[in-house]
Amino acid sequence: MSANRIRTLFVLAMMAFALPLRAQTATITGRVTDAKGNGIVAARIEAKSGLRNVASAVTDESGNYRLTVPQPGTYSIVARRPA
């Protein structure tokens, strides 16, 4: 084998091993509304895994939120009304 071919195979092998090492995250999105369907501004949203808080966000002017959690899984979502 030529040196270039060996180098190319080595780089491809290293890339294949590096892929599982990437951080895996997941995104949770939603909207907080009142009984009339109006978005609630500035509500605090938390994603919990067991008793541990893993992500938090504040709703925007339409009541939407976006949380980035450490990995795909099952989370409890808690919303607290704005102060």
C-alpha atoms as a PDB file:
ATOM      1  CA  MET A   1       0.000   0.000   0.000  1.00  0.00           C
ATOM      2  CA  SER A   2       1.139   3.513  -0.709  1.00  0.00           C
ATOM      3  CA  ALA A   3       1.819   5.956   2.106  1.00  0.00           C
ATOM      4  CA  ASN A   4      -1.081   8.169   1.006  1.00  0.00           C
ATOM      5  CA  ARG A   5      -3.517   5.270   1.108  1.00  0.00           C
ATOM      6  CA  ILE A   6      -2.351   4.207   4.577  1.00  0.00           C
ATOM      7  CA  ARG A   7      -2.630   7.813   5.799  1.00  0.00           C
ATOM      8  CA  THR A   8      -6.161   8.101   4.376  1.00  0.00           C
ATOM      9  CA  LEU A   9      -7.248   4.826   6.008  1.00  0.00           C
ATOM     10  CA  PHE A  10      -5.755   5.967   9.313  1.00  0.00           C
ATOM     11  CA  VAL A  11      -7.643   9.288   9.182  1.00  0.00           C
ATOM     12  CA  LEU A  12     -10.914   7.531   8.318  1.00  0.00           C
ATOM     13  CA  ALA A  13     -10.434   5.050  11.172  1.00  0.00           C
ATOM     14  CA  MET A  14      -9.750   7.876  13.646  1.00  0.00           C
ATOM     15  CA  MET A  15     -12.877   9.706  12.494  1.00  0.00           C
ATOM     16  CA  ALA A  16     -14.975   6.572  12.940  1.00  0.00           C
ATOM     17  CA  PHE A  17     -13.744   6.120  16.511  1.00  0.00           C
ATOM     18  CA  ALA A  18     -14.251   9.799  17.328  1.00  0.00           C
ATOM     19  CA  LEU A  19     -17.938   9.894  16.310  1.00  0.00           C
ATOM     20  CA  PRO A  20     -19.248   8.123  19.444  1.00  0.00           C
ATOM     21  CA  LEU A  21     -17.266  10.549  21.600  1.00  0.00           C
ATOM     22  CA  ARG A  22     -19.331  13.520  20.468  1.00  0.00           C
ATOM     23  CA  ALA A  23     -21.607  14.913  23.105  1.00  0.00           C
ATOM     24  CA  GLN A  24     -25.191  13.881  22.556  1.00  0.00           C
ATOM     25  CA  THR A  25     -27.809  16.400  23.535  1.00  0.00           C
ATOM     26  CA  ALA A  26     -31.530  16.682  22.997  1.00  0.00           C
ATOM     27  CA  THR A  27     -33.894  19.620  22.704  1.00  0.00           C
ATOM     28  CA  ILE A  28     -37.264  20.008  24.395  1.00  0.00           C
ATOM     29  CA  THR A  29     -39.554  22.734  23.096  1.00  0.00           C
ATOM     30  CA  GLY A  30     -43.015  23.804  24.148  1.00  0.00           C
ATOM     31  CA  ARG A  31     -45.395  26.613  24.934  1.00  0.00           C
ATOM     32  CA  VAL A  32     -46.905  27.708  28.243  1.00  0.00           C
ATOM     33  CA  THR A  33     -50.429  29.089  27.989  1.00  0.00           C
ATOM     34  CA  ASP A  34     -53.218  30.238  30.263  1.00  0.00           C
ATOM     35  CA  ALA A  35     -56.766  28.828  30.213  1.00  0.00           C
ATOM     36  CA  LYS A  36     -57.652  31.047  27.223  1.00  0.00           C
ATOM     37  CA  GLY A  37     -54.648  29.861  25.184  1.00  0.00           C
ATOM     38  CA  ASN A  38     -52.620  33.053  25.588  1.00  0.00           C
ATOM     39  CA  GLY A  39     -48.868  32.578  25.926  1.00  0.00           C
ATOM     40  CA  ILE A  40     -47.420  33.265  29.363  1.00  0.00           C
ATOM     41  CA  VAL A  41     -44.379  35.535  29.196  1.00  0.00           C
ATOM     42  CA  ALA A  42     -41.321  35.020  31.459  1.00  0.00           C
ATOM     43  CA  ALA A  43     -42.429  31.726  33.030  1.00  0.00           C
ATOM     44  CA  ARG A  44     -39.483  29.735  34.380  1.00  0.00           C
ATOM     45  CA  ILE A  45     -39.205  26.252  32.849  1.00  0.00           C
ATOM     46  CA  GLU A  46     -37.050  23.469  34.312  1.00  0.00           C
ATOM     47  CA  ALA A  47     -36.256  19.988  33.031  1.00  0.00           C
ATOM     48  CA  LYS A  48     -35.591  17.506  35.829  1.00  0.00           C
ATOM     49  CA  SER A  49     -34.125  14.040  35.833  1.00  0.00           C
ATOM     50  CA  GLY A  50     -35.145  12.537  39.157  1.00  0.00           C
ATOM     51  CA  LEU A  51     -34.559  15.311  41.684  1.00  0.00           C
ATOM     52  CA  ARG A  52     -31.791  16.924  39.645  1.00  0.00           C
ATOM     53  CA  ASN A  53     -32.416  20.056  37.550  1.00  0.00           C
ATOM     54  CA  VAL A  54     -30.649  19.484  34.212  1.00  0.00           C
ATOM     55  CA  ALA A  55     -31.798  22.501  32.169  1.00  0.00           C
ATOM     56  CA  SER A  56     -33.794  25.692  32.560  1.00  0.00           C
ATOM     57  CA  ALA A  57     -35.172  28.462  30.389  1.00  0.00           C
ATOM     58  CA  VAL A  58     -37.586  31.391  30.472  1.00  0.00           C
ATOM     59  CA  THR A  59     -40.513  31.655  28.070  1.00  0.00           C
ATOM     60  CA  ASP A  60     -40.434  34.314  25.366  1.00  0.00           C
ATOM     61  CA  GLU A  61     -43.080  36.916  24.497  1.00  0.00           C
ATOM     62  CA  SER A  62     -45.316  34.176  23.031  1.00  0.00           C
ATOM     63  CA  GLY A  63     -44.873  31.696  25.890  1.00  0.00           C
ATOM     64  CA  ASN A  64     -42.473  29.463  23.932  1.00  0.00           C
ATOM     65  CA  TYR A  65     -39.451  27.795  25.476  1.00  0.00           C
ATOM     66  CA  ARG A  66     -36.504  25.695  24.328  1.00  0.00           C
ATOM     67  CA  LEU A  67     -34.406  23.518  26.626  1.00  0.00           C
ATOM     68  CA  THR A  68     -31.200  21.698  25.715  1.00  0.00           C
ATOM     69  CA  VAL A  69     -30.811  18.611  27.890  1.00  0.00           C
ATOM     70  CA  PRO A  70     -27.649  16.478  28.251  1.00  0.00           C
ATOM     71  CA  GLN A  71     -29.002  13.442  26.411  1.00  0.00           C
ATOM     72  CA  PRO A  72     -32.201  11.975  24.999  1.00  0.00           C
ATOM     73  CA  GLY A  73     -34.356  10.487  27.749  1.00  0.00           C
ATOM     74  CA  THR A  74     -37.349  11.021  30.012  1.00  0.00           C
ATOM     75  CA  TYR A  75     -37.577  14.305  31.889  1.00  0.00           C
ATOM     76  CA  SER A  76     -40.141  16.000  34.116  1.00  0.00           C
ATOM     77  CA  ILE A  77     -40.939  19.549  33.008  1.00  0.00           C
ATOM     78  CA  VAL A  78     -41.836  22.101  35.672  1.00  0.00           C
ATOM     79  CA  ALA A  79     -43.226  25.559  34.866  1.00  0.00           C
ATOM     80  CA  ARG A  80     -43.340  28.341  37.432  1.00  0.00           C
ATOM     81  CA  ARG A  81     -45.313  31.499  36.879  1.00  0.00           C
ATOM     82  CA  PRO A  82     -43.394  34.734  36.529  1.00  0.00           C
ATOM     83  CA  ALA A  83     -42.942  36.877  39.597  1.00  0.00           C
END
